[in-house]
């Protein structure tokens, strides 16, 4: 588990205030692209999250197709081949 506290109140406080760790820290086999997408989906600020399931699907499809490029700020850029 990414968050661990001894009681429910402390656990809740940690979940709402502390950024989730990168999935790569929990599993080294997770790609940086997949980790970036996960972290964007879990962002504390709603404006930093995916605004729709369709937007998330675009990035997931791009990872599968090999069209996803990392951005240093942690926000995905989708590169569409052939456009």
C-alpha atoms as a PDB file:
ATOM      1  CA  UNK A   1       0.000   0.000   0.000  1.00  0.00           C
ATOM      2  CA  UNK A   2       1.330   3.457  -0.829  1.00  0.00           C
ATOM      3  CA  UNK A   3      -0.099   4.961   2.363  1.00  0.00           C
ATOM      4  CA  UNK A   4       0.115   3.455   5.795  1.00  0.00           C
ATOM      5  CA  UNK A   5      -0.936   4.849   9.129  1.00  0.00           C
ATOM      6  CA  UNK A   6      -1.947   3.219  12.360  1.00  0.00           C
ATOM      7  CA  UNK A   7      -5.444   4.714  12.514  1.00  0.00           C
ATOM      8  CA  UNK A   8      -8.144   5.670  10.012  1.00  0.00           C
ATOM      9  CA  UNK A   9      -8.012   9.408  10.710  1.00  0.00           C
ATOM     10  CA  UNK A  10      -4.276   9.625  10.096  1.00  0.00           C
ATOM     11  CA  UNK A  11      -4.590   7.427   7.011  1.00  0.00           C
ATOM     12  CA  UNK A  12      -7.318   9.668   5.563  1.00  0.00           C
ATOM     13  CA  UNK A  13      -5.237  12.779   6.256  1.00  0.00           C
ATOM     14  CA  UNK A  14      -2.278  11.210   4.460  1.00  0.00           C
ATOM     15  CA  UNK A  15      -4.383  10.187   1.451  1.00  0.00           C
ATOM     16  CA  UNK A  16      -5.851  13.675   0.947  1.00  0.00           C
ATOM     17  CA  UNK A  17      -2.668  15.635   1.579  1.00  0.00           C
ATOM     18  CA  UNK A  18       0.302  13.578   0.364  1.00  0.00           C
ATOM     19  CA  UNK A  19       0.941  12.914  -3.321  1.00  0.00           C
ATOM     20  CA  UNK A  20       0.853   9.266  -4.281  1.00  0.00           C
ATOM     21  CA  UNK A  21       4.256   7.727  -4.853  1.00  0.00           C
ATOM     22  CA  UNK A  22       5.192   6.790  -8.377  1.00  0.00           C
ATOM     23  CA  UNK A  23       4.071   3.277  -9.263  1.00  0.00           C
ATOM     24  CA  UNK A  24       7.678   2.615 -10.302  1.00  0.00           C
ATOM     25  CA  UNK A  25       8.688   2.815  -6.635  1.00  0.00           C
ATOM     26  CA  UNK A  26       6.262  -0.025  -5.894  1.00  0.00           C
ATOM     27  CA  UNK A  27       6.987  -2.088  -9.011  1.00  0.00           C
ATOM     28  CA  UNK A  28      10.102  -1.545 -11.105  1.00  0.00           C
ATOM     29  CA  UNK A  29       8.412  -3.195 -14.116  1.00  0.00           C
ATOM     30  CA  UNK A  30       5.945  -0.306 -14.511  1.00  0.00           C
ATOM     31  CA  UNK A  31       7.034   1.929 -17.388  1.00  0.00           C
ATOM     32  CA  UNK A  32       7.673   5.619 -16.791  1.00  0.00           C
ATOM     33  CA  UNK A  33       4.847   6.379 -19.240  1.00  0.00           C
ATOM     34  CA  UNK A  34       2.363   4.229 -17.314  1.00  0.00           C
ATOM     35  CA  UNK A  35       3.538   5.738 -14.032  1.00  0.00           C
ATOM     36  CA  UNK A  36       3.068   9.251 -15.401  1.00  0.00           C
ATOM     37  CA  UNK A  37      -0.482   8.448 -16.526  1.00  0.00           C
ATOM     38  CA  UNK A  38      -1.291   6.905 -13.125  1.00  0.00           C
ATOM     39  CA  UNK A  39       0.053   9.925 -11.261  1.00  0.00           C
ATOM     40  CA  UNK A  40      -1.946  12.296 -13.438  1.00  0.00           C
ATOM     41  CA  UNK A  41      -5.083  10.262 -12.736  1.00  0.00           C
ATOM     42  CA  UNK A  42      -4.339  10.403  -8.990  1.00  0.00           C
ATOM     43  CA  UNK A  43      -3.399  14.093  -8.804  1.00  0.00           C
ATOM     44  CA  UNK A  44      -4.723  15.876  -5.714  1.00  0.00           C
ATOM     45  CA  UNK A  45      -5.723  18.952  -7.729  1.00  0.00           C
ATOM     46  CA  UNK A  46      -8.747  18.068  -9.895  1.00  0.00           C
ATOM     47  CA  UNK A  47      -7.542  20.471 -12.590  1.00  0.00           C
ATOM     48  CA  UNK A  48      -4.344  18.427 -12.936  1.00  0.00           C
ATOM     49  CA  UNK A  49      -6.258  15.157 -13.424  1.00  0.00           C
ATOM     50  CA  UNK A  50      -7.750  13.768 -16.604  1.00  0.00           C
ATOM     51  CA  UNK A  51     -10.925  15.678 -17.314  1.00  0.00           C
ATOM     52  CA  UNK A  52     -12.676  12.708 -18.905  1.00  0.00           C
ATOM     53  CA  UNK A  53     -12.372   8.977 -19.382  1.00  0.00           C
ATOM     54  CA  UNK A  54     -11.863   9.657 -23.087  1.00  0.00           C
ATOM     55  CA  UNK A  55      -8.794  11.778 -22.306  1.00  0.00           C
ATOM     56  CA  UNK A  56      -7.361   9.020 -20.114  1.00  0.00           C
ATOM     57  CA  UNK A  57      -8.096   6.438 -22.818  1.00  0.00           C
ATOM     58  CA  UNK A  58      -6.146   8.487 -25.372  1.00  0.00           C
ATOM     59  CA  UNK A  59      -3.034   8.342 -23.202  1.00  0.00           C
ATOM     60  CA  UNK A  60      -3.469   4.648 -22.411  1.00  0.00           C
ATOM     61  CA  UNK A  61      -3.940   3.858 -26.102  1.00  0.00           C
ATOM     62  CA  UNK A  62      -0.851   5.934 -26.900  1.00  0.00           C
ATOM     63  CA  UNK A  63       1.216   3.923 -24.412  1.00  0.00           C
ATOM     64  CA  UNK A  64       0.072   0.654 -25.974  1.00  0.00           C
ATOM     65  CA  UNK A  65       0.759   1.958 -29.494  1.00  0.00           C
ATOM     66  CA  UNK A  66       4.138   3.401 -28.538  1.00  0.00           C
ATOM     67  CA  UNK A  67       3.042   6.979 -29.332  1.00  0.00           C
ATOM     68  CA  UNK A  68       3.197   8.348 -25.804  1.00  0.00           C
ATOM     69  CA  UNK A  69       6.005  10.745 -24.953  1.00  0.00           C
ATOM     70  CA  UNK A  70       6.978  11.794 -21.460  1.00  0.00           C
ATOM     71  CA  UNK A  71       6.992  15.442 -20.564  1.00  0.00           C
ATOM     72  CA  UNK A  72       9.393  16.666 -17.907  1.00  0.00           C
ATOM     73  CA  UNK A  73       6.610  18.414 -15.996  1.00  0.00           C
ATOM     74  CA  UNK A  74       4.841  15.084 -15.606  1.00  0.00           C
ATOM     75  CA  UNK A  75       2.017  15.930 -17.994  1.00  0.00           C
ATOM     76  CA  UNK A  76       1.620  13.756 -21.061  1.00  0.00           C
ATOM     77  CA  UNK A  77       2.035  14.856 -24.644  1.00  0.00           C
ATOM     78  CA  UNK A  78       0.298  12.652 -27.158  1.00  0.00           C
ATOM     79  CA  UNK A  79       2.137  12.350 -30.438  1.00  0.00           C
ATOM     80  CA  UNK A  80      -0.110  11.140 -33.202  1.00  0.00           C
ATOM     81  CA  UNK A  81       1.734   9.324 -35.935  1.00  0.00           C
ATOM     82  CA  UNK A  82       0.874  10.338 -39.457  1.00  0.00           C
ATOM     83  CA  UNK A  83      -0.611  13.744 -38.597  1.00  0.00           C
END
